Amino acid sequence: MSNCCAFGCRNKYDKNTDRTFHRLPKDPTLRKQWIGRICRADWCLKESSVLCSDHFMAQSFIKPAIPGFFGLRRLKPDAVPTVF
């Protein structure tokens, strides 16, 4: 089960919602930006840590190749969480 790691966010995986969960990026610079925005001083990053799609603006996602097909939403490579 996936739980969002953002401070104060209680979202967890539910197959009945459109919410998606995204692992922190491997790029050190981008990862540092994500961690800074998560705002959790007492938090220990784990390999399984994820952030839910509620923390990203619509422009942060790649548009599906087939119009009208939603499928799995993917983040753009330079996406940074901005909604908290």
C-alpha atoms as a PDB file:
ATOM      1  CA  MET A   1       0.000   0.000   0.000  1.00  0.00           C
ATOM      2  CA  SER A   2       1.318   3.457  -0.893  1.00  0.00           C
ATOM      3  CA  ASN A   3       0.971   6.459   1.395  1.00  0.00           C
ATOM      4  CA  CYS A   4       1.898   9.985   0.393  1.00  0.00           C
ATOM      5  CA  CYS A   5       4.989  11.239   2.239  1.00  0.00           C
ATOM      6  CA  ALA A   6       4.057  14.964   2.146  1.00  0.00           C
ATOM      7  CA  PHE A   7       3.618  16.634   5.528  1.00  0.00           C
ATOM      8  CA  GLY A   8      -0.034  16.514   6.595  1.00  0.00           C
ATOM      9  CA  CYS A   9      -1.184  14.491   3.565  1.00  0.00           C
ATOM     10  CA  ARG A  10      -3.148  11.392   4.468  1.00  0.00           C
ATOM     11  CA  ASN A  11      -3.724  10.118   0.925  1.00  0.00           C
ATOM     12  CA  LYS A  12      -3.129   6.456   0.328  1.00  0.00           C
ATOM     13  CA  TYR A  13      -3.530   4.246  -2.686  1.00  0.00           C
ATOM     14  CA  ASP A  14      -7.132   3.543  -3.673  1.00  0.00           C
ATOM     15  CA  LYS A  15      -7.844   1.917  -7.021  1.00  0.00           C
ATOM     16  CA  ASN A  16     -11.214   3.710  -7.134  1.00  0.00           C
ATOM     17  CA  THR A  17      -9.658   7.180  -7.520  1.00  0.00           C
ATOM     18  CA  ASP A  18      -7.673   8.926 -10.260  1.00  0.00           C
ATOM     19  CA  ARG A  19      -4.914   9.757  -7.770  1.00  0.00           C
ATOM     20  CA  THR A  20      -1.485   8.474  -8.753  1.00  0.00           C
ATOM     21  CA  PHE A  21       1.683   8.078  -6.685  1.00  0.00           C
ATOM     22  CA  HIS A  22       5.164   9.016  -7.847  1.00  0.00           C
ATOM     23  CA  ARG A  23       8.590   8.001  -6.548  1.00  0.00           C
ATOM     24  CA  LEU A  24      11.112  10.706  -5.824  1.00  0.00           C
ATOM     25  CA  PRO A  25      13.421  11.398  -8.782  1.00  0.00           C
ATOM     26  CA  LYS A  26      16.892   9.898  -8.938  1.00  0.00           C
ATOM     27  CA  ASP A  27      18.462  13.155 -10.183  1.00  0.00           C
ATOM     28  CA  PRO A  28      20.163  14.628  -7.048  1.00  0.00           C
ATOM     29  CA  THR A  29      19.228  18.256  -7.794  1.00  0.00           C
ATOM     30  CA  LEU A  30      15.589  17.504  -8.514  1.00  0.00           C
ATOM     31  CA  ARG A  31      15.354  15.103  -5.553  1.00  0.00           C
ATOM     32  CA  LYS A  32      16.653  17.838  -3.232  1.00  0.00           C
ATOM     33  CA  GLN A  33      13.930  20.205  -4.510  1.00  0.00           C
ATOM     34  CA  TRP A  34      11.236  17.591  -3.868  1.00  0.00           C
ATOM     35  CA  ILE A  35      12.513  16.860  -0.353  1.00  0.00           C
ATOM     36  CA  GLY A  36      12.651  20.590   0.450  1.00  0.00           C
ATOM     37  CA  ARG A  37       9.008  20.981  -0.549  1.00  0.00           C
ATOM     38  CA  ILE A  38       7.811  17.911   1.357  1.00  0.00           C
ATOM     39  CA  CYS A  39       8.622  19.812   4.603  1.00  0.00           C
ATOM     40  CA  ARG A  40       9.272  16.926   6.958  1.00  0.00           C
ATOM     41  CA  ALA A  41      12.250  17.521   9.233  1.00  0.00           C
ATOM     42  CA  ASP A  42      11.834  14.241  11.119  1.00  0.00           C
ATOM     43  CA  TRP A  43      11.407  12.170   7.969  1.00  0.00           C
ATOM     44  CA  CYS A  44      13.782   9.491   6.741  1.00  0.00           C
ATOM     45  CA  LEU A  45      13.676   8.974   2.967  1.00  0.00           C
ATOM     46  CA  LYS A  46      13.008   5.374   1.977  1.00  0.00           C
ATOM     47  CA  GLU A  47      13.289   3.719  -1.402  1.00  0.00           C
ATOM     48  CA  SER A  48       9.503   3.186  -1.281  1.00  0.00           C
ATOM     49  CA  SER A  49       8.650   6.844  -0.502  1.00  0.00           C
ATOM     50  CA  VAL A  50       6.085   8.343  -2.882  1.00  0.00           C
ATOM     51  CA  LEU A  51       4.265  11.638  -3.373  1.00  0.00           C
ATOM     52  CA  CYS A  52       0.647  11.701  -4.574  1.00  0.00           C
ATOM     53  CA  SER A  53      -0.555  13.504  -7.682  1.00  0.00           C
ATOM     54  CA  ASP A  54      -2.516  16.004  -5.548  1.00  0.00           C
ATOM     55  CA  HIS A  55       0.762  17.890  -4.989  1.00  0.00           C
ATOM     56  CA  PHE A  56       1.372  18.611  -8.679  1.00  0.00           C
ATOM     57  CA  MET A  57      -0.278  21.075 -11.045  1.00  0.00           C
ATOM     58  CA  ALA A  58      -1.945  19.735 -14.208  1.00  0.00           C
ATOM     59  CA  GLN A  59       0.938  21.135 -16.319  1.00  0.00           C
ATOM     60  CA  SER A  60       3.349  18.784 -14.509  1.00  0.00           C
ATOM     61  CA  PHE A  61       1.921  15.729 -16.260  1.00  0.00           C
ATOM     62  CA  ILE A  62       2.682  14.360 -19.711  1.00  0.00           C
ATOM     63  CA  LYS A  63      -0.375  14.434 -21.942  1.00  0.00           C
ATOM     64  CA  PRO A  64      -1.502  10.963 -23.077  1.00  0.00           C
ATOM     65  CA  ALA A  65      -0.491   9.939 -26.602  1.00  0.00           C
ATOM     66  CA  ILE A  66      -4.091   8.989 -27.363  1.00  0.00           C
ATOM     67  CA  PRO A  67      -6.578  11.834 -26.764  1.00  0.00           C
ATOM     68  CA  GLY A  68      -9.316  10.817 -24.342  1.00  0.00           C
ATOM     69  CA  PHE A  69      -7.245   7.933 -22.955  1.00  0.00           C
ATOM     70  CA  PHE A  70      -6.258   8.603 -19.374  1.00  0.00           C
ATOM     71  CA  GLY A  71      -4.354   5.479 -18.334  1.00  0.00           C
ATOM     72  CA  LEU A  72      -1.461   5.925 -15.947  1.00  0.00           C
ATOM     73  CA  ARG A  73      -0.473   9.572 -15.500  1.00  0.00           C
ATOM     74  CA  ARG A  74       3.232  10.253 -15.810  1.00  0.00           C
ATOM     75  CA  LEU A  75       5.133  13.282 -14.575  1.00  0.00           C
ATOM     76  CA  LYS A  76       7.327  15.358 -16.838  1.00  0.00           C
ATOM     77  CA  PRO A  77      11.028  14.757 -16.117  1.00  0.00           C
ATOM     78  CA  ASP A  78      11.464  18.238 -14.586  1.00  0.00           C
ATOM     79  CA  ALA A  79       8.233  18.250 -12.526  1.00  0.00           C
ATOM     80  CA  VAL A  80       8.444  19.627  -8.977  1.00  0.00           C
ATOM     81  CA  PRO A  81       5.609  19.420  -6.433  1.00  0.00           C
ATOM     82  CA  THR A  82       4.000  22.832  -5.885  1.00  0.00           C
ATOM     83  CA  VAL A  83       0.610  22.166  -4.276  1.00  0.00           C
ATOM     84  CA  PHE A  84       0.567  21.693  -0.496  1.00  0.00           C
END
